[in-house]
Amino acid sequence: MDVRQLDRQALLLTGQLVSRVKPGHLTRATPCADWTLYGLLRHLVTQNQGFTASAHGAGQPWAVWRDGDLGEDPAGAYEASADEVTAAFAEDGVLERQFALPEVGEGFAVTGKTAIGFHLLDYVVHAWDIAVTIGAPWEPAAELTTAALRVAALVPDAGRGPGAPFRRRLVVPDNAPPTDRLLALLGRDPSWTPEPY
């Protein structure tokens, strides 16, 4: 399946969970240690805007990766940003374009196909972050989990840790389900639960 179709599935999966977020959820801690749920949703909107800018050759300035705004309607802001990035990814020739990804490193750039794979991975796993924070099910399709696992396995161990885009890998049993293996590859504990509220 085209990586862009899979990415759209990831955006929809995340969007379904964002639509279930209530105002009282926004201050909750998430598995992303630096972010409340509000901060995580803002990150998702910002990432969509950053990838959209990068698809158009304007992703190098840090500002385009930092200025996401949820306004009074986090779900609406998410959907608008998801529509924008989907349209950008659908453009002719996008898979061969160079995408600047300054969050990975200054001057870092990859082909559109690789960048969209990174985006897909981010949204599949952040969907879990939202789901576990609000107590909702997280059920990515098998092909989405498989694709995300392939990308996650390519993330090098160098540069992981505090302040980096990815945490250090965790060990799970060999017979762990694919979703648990995916979470562990990105340093998430599949048994994480939120603090009681």
N, C-alpha and C. Protein backbone atom coordinates (compact mmCIF):
# COMPACT_ATOMS: atom_id res chain seq x y z
N MET A 1 0.84 -1.19 0.00
CA MET A 1 0.00 0.00 0.00
C MET A 1 0.88 1.25 0.00
N ASP A 2 0.44 2.26 -0.74
CA ASP A 2 1.15 3.54 -0.80
C ASP A 2 1.29 4.12 0.60
N VAL A 3 2.48 4.61 0.93
CA VAL A 3 2.74 5.18 2.26
C VAL A 3 1.78 6.34 2.55
N ARG A 4 1.33 7.01 1.50
CA ARG A 4 0.41 8.13 1.73
C ARG A 4 -0.96 7.65 2.19
N GLN A 5 -1.41 6.52 1.66
CA GLN A 5 -2.68 5.95 2.11
C GLN A 5 -2.57 5.49 3.56
N LEU A 6 -1.45 4.88 3.89
CA LEU A 6 -1.23 4.45 5.26
C LEU A 6 -1.16 5.65 6.20
N ASP A 7 -0.51 6.71 5.75
CA ASP A 7 -0.42 7.91 6.57
C ASP A 7 -1.80 8.49 6.83
N ARG A 8 -2.64 8.48 5.81
CA ARG A 8 -4.01 8.98 5.99
C ARG A 8 -4.73 8.13 7.04
N GLN A 9 -4.53 6.81 7.02
CA GLN A 9 -5.12 5.95 8.05
C GLN A 9 -4.64 6.35 9.43
N ALA A 10 -3.35 6.65 9.55
CA ALA A 10 -2.79 7.06 10.84
C ALA A 10 -3.41 8.37 11.31
N LEU A 11 -3.58 9.32 10.41
CA LEU A 11 -4.21 10.59 10.75
C LEU A 11 -5.65 10.38 11.20
N LEU A 12 -6.36 9.50 10.51
CA LEU A 12 -7.75 9.22 10.88
C LEU A 12 -7.84 8.53 12.23
N LEU A 13 -6.95 7.57 12.48
CA LEU A 13 -6.90 6.88 13.76
C LEU A 13 -6.71 7.90 14.89
N THR A 14 -5.75 8.79 14.71
CA THR A 14 -5.48 9.81 15.72
C THR A 14 -6.66 10.77 15.84
N GLY A 15 -7.22 11.16 14.71
CA GLY A 15 -8.34 12.09 14.72
C GLY A 15 -9.55 11.55 15.46
N GLN A 16 -9.81 10.26 15.31
CA GLN A 16 -10.93 9.66 16.03
C GLN A 16 -10.73 9.78 17.54
N LEU A 17 -9.49 9.64 17.98
CA LEU A 17 -9.20 9.76 19.41
C LEU A 17 -9.23 11.22 19.86
N VAL A 18 -8.70 12.12 19.03
CA VAL A 18 -8.74 13.54 19.37
C VAL A 18 -10.19 14.00 19.55
N SER A 19 -11.08 13.46 18.73
CA SER A 19 -12.49 13.87 18.82
C SER A 19 -13.15 13.45 20.13
N ARG A 20 -12.52 12.51 20.84
CA ARG A 20 -13.06 12.03 22.12
C ARG A 20 -12.50 12.78 23.33
N VAL A 21 -11.56 13.66 23.07
CA VAL A 21 -10.94 14.42 24.16
C VAL A 21 -11.92 15.48 24.66
N LYS A 22 -12.10 15.50 25.97
CA LYS A 22 -12.96 16.49 26.60
C LYS A 22 -12.09 17.57 27.25
N PRO A 23 -12.66 18.77 27.47
CA PRO A 23 -11.85 19.84 28.07
C PRO A 23 -11.15 19.42 29.36
N GLY A 24 -11.79 18.60 30.17
CA GLY A 24 -11.18 18.16 31.42
C GLY A 24 -10.00 17.24 31.25
N HIS A 25 -9.84 16.67 30.06
CA HIS A 25 -8.70 15.78 29.79
C HIS A 25 -7.41 16.56 29.51
N LEU A 26 -7.53 17.80 29.10
CA LEU A 26 -6.39 18.52 28.51
C LEU A 26 -5.22 18.72 29.47
N THR A 27 -5.49 18.73 30.76
CA THR A 27 -4.40 18.94 31.72
C THR A 27 -3.79 17.63 32.20
N ARG A 28 -4.26 16.50 31.70
CA ARG A 28 -3.73 15.21 32.14
C ARG A 28 -2.31 14.98 31.63
N ALA A 29 -1.54 14.28 32.44
CA ALA A 29 -0.21 13.83 32.00
C ALA A 29 -0.37 12.75 30.95
N THR A 30 0.60 12.67 30.05
CA THR A 30 0.59 11.64 29.00
C THR A 30 1.86 10.79 29.12
N PRO A 31 1.95 9.71 28.34
CA PRO A 31 3.21 8.94 28.33
C PRO A 31 4.40 9.75 27.83
N CYS A 32 4.13 10.86 27.15
CA CYS A 32 5.20 11.77 26.72
C CYS A 32 5.50 12.67 27.91
N ALA A 33 6.58 12.39 28.60
CA ALA A 33 6.83 12.99 29.91
C ALA A 33 6.79 14.52 29.91
N ASP A 34 7.13 15.15 28.82
CA ASP A 34 7.19 16.61 28.78
C ASP A 34 5.86 17.27 28.47
N TRP A 35 4.84 16.48 28.13
CA TRP A 35 3.60 17.06 27.65
C TRP A 35 2.38 16.61 28.43
N THR A 36 1.51 17.59 28.74
CA THR A 36 0.14 17.27 29.10
C THR A 36 -0.57 16.89 27.79
N LEU A 37 -1.83 16.49 27.91
CA LEU A 37 -2.57 16.16 26.70
C LEU A 37 -2.72 17.39 25.80
N TYR A 38 -2.90 18.55 26.40
CA TYR A 38 -2.96 19.78 25.61
C TYR A 38 -1.68 19.95 24.80
N GLY A 39 -0.54 19.77 25.47
CA GLY A 39 0.74 19.92 24.78
C GLY A 39 0.93 18.91 23.67
N LEU A 40 0.46 17.69 23.89
CA LEU A 40 0.57 16.65 22.86
C LEU A 40 -0.29 17.01 21.65
N LEU A 41 -1.51 17.47 21.89
CA LEU A 41 -2.38 17.84 20.77
C LEU A 41 -1.79 19.02 20.00
N ARG A 42 -1.21 19.96 20.72
CA ARG A 42 -0.55 21.09 20.05
C ARG A 42 0.62 20.60 19.21
N HIS A 43 1.36 19.63 19.73
CA HIS A 43 2.47 19.04 18.98
C HIS A 43 1.96 18.41 17.68
N LEU A 44 0.85 17.70 17.75
CA LEU A 44 0.32 17.04 16.55
C LEU A 44 -0.08 18.05 15.49
N VAL A 45 -0.73 19.12 15.90
CA VAL A 45 -1.11 20.18 14.95
C VAL A 45 0.15 20.82 14.37
N THR A 46 1.11 21.09 15.23
CA THR A 46 2.36 21.72 14.79
C THR A 46 3.11 20.83 13.81
N GLN A 47 3.17 19.53 14.10
CA GLN A 47 3.85 18.60 13.20
C GLN A 47 3.17 18.57 11.83
N ASN A 48 1.86 18.54 11.82
CA ASN A 48 1.17 18.55 10.53
C ASN A 48 1.51 19.81 9.74
N GLN A 49 1.56 20.94 10.44
CA GLN A 49 1.91 22.19 9.76
C GLN A 49 3.36 22.19 9.30
N GLY A 50 4.24 21.63 10.12
CA GLY A 50 5.65 21.56 9.73
C GLY A 50 5.87 20.67 8.51
N PHE A 51 5.23 19.49 8.51
CA PHE A 51 5.37 18.60 7.36
C PHE A 51 4.74 19.21 6.11
N THR A 52 3.66 19.95 6.28
CA THR A 52 3.06 20.64 5.13
C THR A 52 4.05 21.65 4.55
N ALA A 53 4.65 22.44 5.43
CA ALA A 53 5.64 23.43 4.97
C ALA A 53 6.82 22.73 4.29
N SER A 54 7.27 21.62 4.88
CA SER A 54 8.41 20.91 4.32
C SER A 54 8.09 20.34 2.94
N ALA A 55 6.86 19.87 2.77
CA ALA A 55 6.45 19.36 1.45
C ALA A 55 6.51 20.44 0.39
N HIS A 56 6.38 21.70 0.82
CA HIS A 56 6.41 22.83 -0.11
C HIS A 56 7.77 23.51 -0.15
N GLY A 57 8.79 22.83 0.42
CA GLY A 57 10.14 23.37 0.37
C GLY A 57 10.42 24.46 1.38
N ALA A 58 9.55 24.58 2.41
CA ALA A 58 9.70 25.67 3.38
C ALA A 58 9.77 25.14 4.82
N GLY A 59 10.37 23.96 4.99
CA GLY A 59 10.38 23.34 6.31
C GLY A 59 11.61 23.60 7.14
N GLN A 60 12.57 24.35 6.63
CA GLN A 60 13.82 24.55 7.38
C GLN A 60 13.67 25.47 8.59
N PRO A 61 12.90 26.58 8.50
CA PRO A 61 12.81 27.46 9.67
C PRO A 61 12.16 26.76 10.86
N TRP A 62 12.76 26.91 12.03
CA TRP A 62 12.23 26.27 13.23
C TRP A 62 10.82 26.74 13.54
N ALA A 63 10.49 27.97 13.17
CA ALA A 63 9.19 28.54 13.53
C ALA A 63 8.03 27.70 12.98
N VAL A 64 8.20 27.09 11.82
CA VAL A 64 7.07 26.33 11.25
C VAL A 64 6.83 25.03 12.01
N TRP A 65 7.76 24.65 12.87
CA TRP A 65 7.61 23.43 13.68
C TRP A 65 7.23 23.76 15.12
N ARG A 66 6.89 25.03 15.39
CA ARG A 66 6.64 25.42 16.78
C ARG A 66 5.37 26.24 16.99
N ASP A 67 4.71 26.65 15.93
CA ASP A 67 3.66 27.65 16.08
C ASP A 67 2.24 27.10 16.03
N GLY A 68 2.04 25.81 16.24
CA GLY A 68 0.70 25.25 16.20
C GLY A 68 -0.20 25.87 17.26
N ASP A 69 -1.45 26.10 16.91
CA ASP A 69 -2.40 26.73 17.81
C ASP A 69 -3.69 25.91 17.84
N LEU A 70 -4.11 25.51 19.02
CA LEU A 70 -5.35 24.74 19.16
C LEU A 70 -6.58 25.62 19.23
N GLY A 71 -6.40 26.91 19.57
CA GLY A 71 -7.54 27.80 19.71
C GLY A 71 -8.52 27.27 20.74
N GLU A 72 -9.80 27.45 20.48
CA GLU A 72 -10.85 26.97 21.39
C GLU A 72 -11.38 25.61 20.98
N ASP A 73 -10.85 25.07 19.90
CA ASP A 73 -11.40 23.82 19.34
C ASP A 73 -10.25 22.89 18.94
N PRO A 74 -9.67 22.15 19.91
CA PRO A 74 -8.55 21.27 19.57
C PRO A 74 -8.86 20.28 18.46
N ALA A 75 -10.04 19.68 18.49
CA ALA A 75 -10.39 18.70 17.45
C ALA A 75 -10.47 19.37 16.08
N GLY A 76 -11.05 20.56 16.04
CA GLY A 76 -11.14 21.29 14.77
C GLY A 76 -9.77 21.69 14.25
N ALA A 77 -8.90 22.13 15.16
CA ALA A 77 -7.54 22.50 14.76
C ALA A 77 -6.79 21.28 14.23
N TYR A 78 -6.98 20.15 14.89
CA TYR A 78 -6.33 18.92 14.42
C TYR A 78 -6.83 18.55 13.03
N GLU A 79 -8.15 18.55 12.85
CA GLU A 79 -8.70 18.15 11.55
C GLU A 79 -8.24 19.07 10.43
N ALA A 80 -8.20 20.37 10.70
CA ALA A 80 -7.74 21.32 9.67
C ALA A 80 -6.29 21.04 9.29
N SER A 81 -5.45 20.79 10.30
CA SER A 81 -4.03 20.52 10.01
C SER A 81 -3.87 19.18 9.30
N ALA A 82 -4.70 18.20 9.66
CA ALA A 82 -4.63 16.88 9.00
C ALA A 82 -5.03 17.00 7.53
N ASP A 83 -6.05 17.79 7.25
CA ASP A 83 -6.46 18.00 5.86
C ASP A 83 -5.36 18.68 5.06
N GLU A 84 -4.68 19.66 5.68
CA GLU A 84 -3.60 20.38 4.99
C GLU A 84 -2.44 19.45 4.66
N VAL A 85 -2.02 18.64 5.62
CA VAL A 85 -0.87 17.77 5.37
C VAL A 85 -1.24 16.66 4.39
N THR A 86 -2.46 16.17 4.44
CA THR A 86 -2.89 15.15 3.48
C THR A 86 -2.86 15.71 2.06
N ALA A 87 -3.34 16.93 1.90
CA ALA A 87 -3.31 17.56 0.57
C ALA A 87 -1.87 17.76 0.09
N ALA A 88 -1.00 18.18 0.99
CA ALA A 88 0.41 18.38 0.62
C ALA A 88 1.06 17.07 0.21
N PHE A 89 0.77 15.98 0.96
CA PHE A 89 1.36 14.68 0.65
C PHE A 89 0.81 14.09 -0.65
N ALA A 90 -0.36 14.55 -1.08
CA ALA A 90 -0.98 14.02 -2.30
C ALA A 90 -0.47 14.68 -3.57
N GLU A 91 0.34 15.71 -3.44
CA GLU A 91 0.82 16.43 -4.62
C GLU A 91 1.73 15.56 -5.49
N ASP A 92 1.69 15.82 -6.78
CA ASP A 92 2.55 15.08 -7.71
C ASP A 92 4.01 15.28 -7.35
N GLY A 93 4.77 14.19 -7.40
CA GLY A 93 6.21 14.25 -7.19
C GLY A 93 6.65 14.38 -5.74
N VAL A 94 5.70 14.35 -4.81
CA VAL A 94 6.06 14.60 -3.41
C VAL A 94 6.97 13.51 -2.84
N LEU A 95 6.84 12.28 -3.32
CA LEU A 95 7.63 11.19 -2.75
C LEU A 95 9.12 11.35 -3.03
N GLU A 96 9.44 12.08 -4.10
CA GLU A 96 10.85 12.27 -4.47
C GLU A 96 11.41 13.60 -3.97
N ARG A 97 10.57 14.49 -3.47
CA ARG A 97 11.06 15.79 -2.99
C ARG A 97 11.92 15.61 -1.75
N GLN A 98 12.77 16.60 -1.50
CA GLN A 98 13.54 16.63 -0.26
C GLN A 98 12.73 17.36 0.81
N PHE A 99 12.58 16.72 1.94
CA PHE A 99 11.87 17.30 3.09
C PHE A 99 12.90 17.69 4.15
N ALA A 100 12.92 18.94 4.54
CA ALA A 100 13.77 19.37 5.66
C ALA A 100 13.07 18.98 6.96
N LEU A 101 13.81 18.33 7.85
CA LEU A 101 13.29 17.93 9.15
C LEU A 101 14.26 18.41 10.23
N PRO A 102 14.22 19.70 10.56
CA PRO A 102 15.20 20.25 11.48
C PRO A 102 15.12 19.68 12.90
N GLU A 103 13.98 19.09 13.27
CA GLU A 103 13.89 18.48 14.60
C GLU A 103 14.84 17.30 14.75
N VAL A 104 15.11 16.62 13.64
CA VAL A 104 16.04 15.49 13.68
C VAL A 104 17.48 16.00 13.77
N GLY A 105 17.76 17.08 13.09
CA GLY A 105 19.10 17.66 13.12
C GLY A 105 19.18 18.82 12.15
N GLU A 106 20.01 19.77 12.46
CA GLU A 106 20.16 20.93 11.59
C GLU A 106 20.64 20.49 10.22
N GLY A 107 19.94 20.93 9.19
CA GLY A 107 20.29 20.56 7.83
C GLY A 107 19.83 19.18 7.41
N PHE A 108 19.14 18.47 8.31
CA PHE A 108 18.71 17.10 8.01
C PHE A 108 17.57 17.14 7.00
N ALA A 109 17.65 16.30 5.98
CA ALA A 109 16.60 16.21 4.97
C ALA A 109 16.54 14.79 4.43
N VAL A 110 15.34 14.37 4.06
CA VAL A 110 15.13 13.04 3.49
C VAL A 110 14.12 13.17 2.36
N THR A 111 13.97 12.09 1.60
CA THR A 111 12.97 12.10 0.54
C THR A 111 11.57 12.13 1.16
N GLY A 112 10.62 12.57 0.36
CA GLY A 112 9.25 12.61 0.81
C GLY A 112 8.75 11.26 1.27
N LYS A 113 9.11 10.21 0.58
CA LYS A 113 8.65 8.88 0.96
C LYS A 113 9.11 8.53 2.38
N THR A 114 10.36 8.82 2.69
CA THR A 114 10.88 8.55 4.03
C THR A 114 10.24 9.47 5.05
N ALA A 115 10.10 10.75 4.72
CA ALA A 115 9.49 11.71 5.65
C ALA A 115 8.06 11.31 5.99
N ILE A 116 7.31 10.89 4.99
CA ILE A 116 5.92 10.49 5.25
C ILE A 116 5.88 9.24 6.12
N GLY A 117 6.86 8.36 5.96
CA GLY A 117 6.97 7.20 6.86
C GLY A 117 7.19 7.62 8.30
N PHE A 118 8.05 8.64 8.51
CA PHE A 118 8.27 9.16 9.86
C PHE A 118 6.96 9.74 10.43
N HIS A 119 6.26 10.49 9.57
CA HIS A 119 4.99 11.11 9.99
C HIS A 119 3.99 10.03 10.38
N LEU A 120 3.87 8.99 9.57
CA LEU A 120 2.98 7.88 9.86
C LEU A 120 3.29 7.27 11.23
N LEU A 121 4.56 7.00 11.47
CA LEU A 121 4.98 6.41 12.74
C LEU A 121 4.57 7.30 13.91
N ASP A 122 4.81 8.59 13.78
CA ASP A 122 4.50 9.54 14.84
C ASP A 122 3.01 9.49 15.20
N TYR A 123 2.15 9.44 14.20
CA TYR A 123 0.72 9.51 14.46
C TYR A 123 0.14 8.18 14.95
N VAL A 124 0.67 7.07 14.50
CA VAL A 124 0.21 5.78 15.04
C VAL A 124 0.53 5.72 16.54
N VAL A 125 1.74 6.10 16.91
CA VAL A 125 2.15 5.97 18.31
C VAL A 125 1.54 7.07 19.18
N HIS A 126 1.44 8.29 18.66
CA HIS A 126 0.79 9.33 19.46
C HIS A 126 -0.71 9.03 19.64
N ALA A 127 -1.30 8.27 18.71
CA ALA A 127 -2.69 7.85 18.92
C ALA A 127 -2.79 7.01 20.20
N TRP A 128 -1.79 6.14 20.42
CA TRP A 128 -1.77 5.37 21.66
C TRP A 128 -1.62 6.29 22.86
N ASP A 129 -0.74 7.29 22.75
CA ASP A 129 -0.55 8.23 23.85
C ASP A 129 -1.89 8.87 24.26
N ILE A 130 -2.67 9.27 23.27
CA ILE A 130 -3.97 9.88 23.57
C ILE A 130 -4.91 8.84 24.16
N ALA A 131 -4.98 7.68 23.52
CA ALA A 131 -5.92 6.64 23.95
C ALA A 131 -5.70 6.24 25.40
N VAL A 132 -4.45 5.98 25.76
CA VAL A 132 -4.17 5.52 27.12
C VAL A 132 -4.38 6.64 28.13
N THR A 133 -4.21 7.88 27.70
CA THR A 133 -4.42 9.02 28.60
C THR A 133 -5.90 9.21 28.92
N ILE A 134 -6.77 8.99 27.94
CA ILE A 134 -8.21 9.23 28.16
C ILE A 134 -8.99 7.95 28.41
N GLY A 135 -8.30 6.80 28.40
CA GLY A 135 -8.97 5.53 28.67
C GLY A 135 -9.80 5.02 27.51
N ALA A 136 -9.32 5.25 26.29
CA ALA A 136 -10.02 4.80 25.08
C ALA A 136 -9.23 3.68 24.42
N PRO A 137 -9.88 2.85 23.62
CA PRO A 137 -9.15 1.78 22.92
C PRO A 137 -8.27 2.34 21.81
N TRP A 138 -7.18 1.66 21.58
CA TRP A 138 -6.24 1.98 20.49
C TRP A 138 -6.12 0.73 19.64
N GLU A 139 -6.67 0.78 18.44
CA GLU A 139 -6.75 -0.41 17.61
C GLU A 139 -6.33 -0.11 16.18
N PRO A 140 -5.03 0.14 15.98
CA PRO A 140 -4.57 0.38 14.61
C PRO A 140 -4.74 -0.87 13.76
N ALA A 141 -5.05 -0.67 12.48
CA ALA A 141 -5.16 -1.80 11.56
C ALA A 141 -3.82 -2.51 11.46
N ALA A 142 -3.89 -3.80 11.14
CA ALA A 142 -2.67 -4.60 11.10
C ALA A 142 -1.65 -4.04 10.13
N GLU A 143 -2.09 -3.56 8.96
CA GLU A 143 -1.13 -3.04 7.98
C GLU A 143 -0.49 -1.75 8.47
N LEU A 144 -1.21 -1.00 9.29
CA LEU A 144 -0.67 0.23 9.84
C LEU A 144 0.40 -0.08 10.89
N THR A 145 0.11 -1.06 11.74
CA THR A 145 1.09 -1.48 12.74
C THR A 145 2.34 -2.03 12.08
N THR A 146 2.16 -2.84 11.04
CA THR A 146 3.30 -3.42 10.33
C THR A 146 4.17 -2.33 9.71
N ALA A 147 3.52 -1.36 9.07
CA ALA A 147 4.28 -0.26 8.45
C ALA A 147 5.01 0.56 9.51
N ALA A 148 4.35 0.84 10.62
CA ALA A 148 4.98 1.62 11.69
C ALA A 148 6.15 0.87 12.31
N LEU A 149 6.00 -0.44 12.46
CA LEU A 149 7.09 -1.26 12.99
C LEU A 149 8.32 -1.19 12.08
N ARG A 150 8.10 -1.23 10.77
CA ARG A 150 9.22 -1.16 9.82
C ARG A 150 9.98 0.15 9.99
N VAL A 151 9.25 1.25 10.14
CA VAL A 151 9.90 2.55 10.30
C VAL A 151 10.59 2.63 11.66
N ALA A 152 9.91 2.18 12.72
CA ALA A 152 10.48 2.25 14.07
C ALA A 152 11.78 1.47 14.18
N ALA A 153 11.86 0.36 13.47
CA ALA A 153 13.07 -0.48 13.53
C ALA A 153 14.27 0.23 12.92
N LEU A 154 14.03 1.25 12.09
CA LEU A 154 15.12 1.98 11.43
C LEU A 154 15.66 3.13 12.28
N VAL A 155 14.96 3.48 13.35
CA VAL A 155 15.41 4.59 14.19
C VAL A 155 16.68 4.15 14.92
N PRO A 156 17.79 4.83 14.70
CA PRO A 156 19.05 4.39 15.32
C PRO A 156 19.05 4.61 16.83
N ASP A 157 19.85 3.80 17.52
CA ASP A 157 19.96 3.96 18.97
C ASP A 157 20.72 5.23 19.34
N ALA A 158 21.64 5.65 18.49
CA ALA A 158 22.39 6.89 18.75
C ALA A 158 21.42 8.07 18.73
N GLY A 159 21.60 8.94 19.69
CA GLY A 159 20.77 10.13 19.73
C GLY A 159 19.43 9.96 20.43
N ARG A 160 19.16 8.79 20.96
CA ARG A 160 17.92 8.60 21.72
C ARG A 160 18.14 9.06 23.16
N GLY A 161 17.05 9.42 23.82
CA GLY A 161 17.15 9.78 25.22
C GLY A 161 16.50 11.11 25.51
N PRO A 162 16.70 11.65 26.71
CA PRO A 162 16.07 12.92 27.10
C PRO A 162 16.38 14.04 26.11
N GLY A 163 15.33 14.74 25.72
CA GLY A 163 15.50 15.86 24.79
C GLY A 163 15.58 15.46 23.33
N ALA A 164 15.68 14.16 23.05
CA ALA A 164 15.75 13.67 21.67
C ALA A 164 14.34 13.31 21.19
N PRO A 165 14.13 13.21 19.86
CA PRO A 165 12.81 12.86 19.37
C PRO A 165 12.33 11.48 19.83
N PHE A 166 13.27 10.59 20.14
CA PHE A 166 12.89 9.23 20.54
C PHE A 166 13.60 8.83 21.83
N ARG A 167 12.91 8.04 22.63
CA ARG A 167 13.51 7.50 23.85
C ARG A 167 14.25 6.22 23.54
N ARG A 168 14.98 5.73 24.53
CA ARG A 168 15.68 4.46 24.35
C ARG A 168 14.69 3.31 24.29
N ARG A 169 15.02 2.32 23.48
CA ARG A 169 14.15 1.15 23.33
C ARG A 169 13.94 0.44 24.67
N LEU A 170 12.78 -0.18 24.82
CA LEU A 170 12.50 -1.03 25.96
C LEU A 170 12.44 -2.47 25.48
N VAL A 171 12.68 -3.40 26.39
CA VAL A 171 12.63 -4.81 26.05
C VAL A 171 11.25 -5.36 26.41
N VAL A 172 10.65 -6.08 25.47
CA VAL A 172 9.39 -6.78 25.73
C VAL A 172 9.61 -8.24 25.35
N PRO A 173 8.77 -9.15 25.85
CA PRO A 173 8.93 -10.57 25.51
C PRO A 173 8.87 -10.80 24.00
N ASP A 174 9.54 -11.83 23.54
CA ASP A 174 9.56 -12.16 22.11
C ASP A 174 8.16 -12.41 21.55
N ASN A 175 7.27 -12.91 22.43
CA ASN A 175 5.92 -13.22 21.96
C ASN A 175 4.94 -12.07 22.20
N ALA A 176 5.46 -10.89 22.49
CA ALA A 176 4.60 -9.72 22.71
C ALA A 176 3.85 -9.38 21.42
N PRO A 177 2.62 -8.86 21.53
CA PRO A 177 1.89 -8.48 20.32
C PRO A 177 2.63 -7.39 19.55
N PRO A 178 2.38 -7.29 18.25
CA PRO A 178 3.07 -6.28 17.43
C PRO A 178 2.91 -4.86 17.97
N THR A 179 1.74 -4.54 18.51
CA THR A 179 1.53 -3.19 19.02
C THR A 179 2.44 -2.92 20.22
N ASP A 180 2.62 -3.91 21.09
CA ASP A 180 3.53 -3.73 22.23
C ASP A 180 4.97 -3.59 21.76
N ARG A 181 5.35 -4.36 20.74
CA ARG A 181 6.71 -4.25 20.21
C ARG A 181 6.94 -2.87 19.61
N LEU A 182 5.92 -2.34 18.95
CA LEU A 182 6.04 -1.01 18.36
C LEU A 182 6.26 0.04 19.45
N LEU A 183 5.45 -0.01 20.49
CA LEU A 183 5.60 0.96 21.58
C LEU A 183 6.98 0.85 22.22
N ALA A 184 7.41 -0.37 22.47
CA ALA A 184 8.70 -0.58 23.13
C ALA A 184 9.86 -0.10 22.27
N LEU A 185 9.75 -0.25 20.95
CA LEU A 185 10.81 0.22 20.05
C LEU A 185 11.03 1.73 20.19
N LEU A 186 9.98 2.43 20.58
CA LEU A 186 10.09 3.88 20.72
C LEU A 186 10.18 4.30 22.19
N GLY A 187 10.47 3.34 23.06
CA GLY A 187 10.71 3.67 24.46
C GLY A 187 9.48 3.86 25.30
N ARG A 188 8.34 3.37 24.82
CA ARG A 188 7.10 3.48 25.59
C ARG A 188 6.80 2.16 26.29
N ASP A 189 6.35 2.25 27.52
CA ASP A 189 5.98 1.08 28.30
C ASP A 189 4.53 0.73 27.98
N PRO A 190 4.28 -0.41 27.33
CA PRO A 190 2.91 -0.76 26.95
C PRO A 190 1.96 -0.87 28.14
N SER A 191 2.50 -1.01 29.36
CA SER A 191 1.64 -1.12 30.54
C SER A 191 1.42 0.22 31.24
N TRP A 192 1.89 1.33 30.63
CA TRP A 192 1.73 2.64 31.23
C TRP A 192 0.27 2.94 31.50
N THR A 193 0.00 3.51 32.66
CA THR A 193 -1.35 3.97 32.98
C THR A 193 -1.25 5.38 33.55
N PRO A 194 -2.28 6.19 33.33
CA PRO A 194 -2.23 7.55 33.85
C PRO A 194 -2.44 7.60 35.35
N GLU A 195 -2.01 8.68 35.95
CA GLU A 195 -2.29 8.89 37.37
C GLU A 195 -3.80 8.97 37.56
N PRO A 196 -4.32 8.45 38.66
CA PRO A 196 -5.78 8.57 38.88
C PRO A 196 -6.21 10.02 39.03
N TYR A 197 -7.38 10.33 38.52
CA TYR A 197 -7.90 11.71 38.59
C TYR A 197 -9.15 11.73 39.43
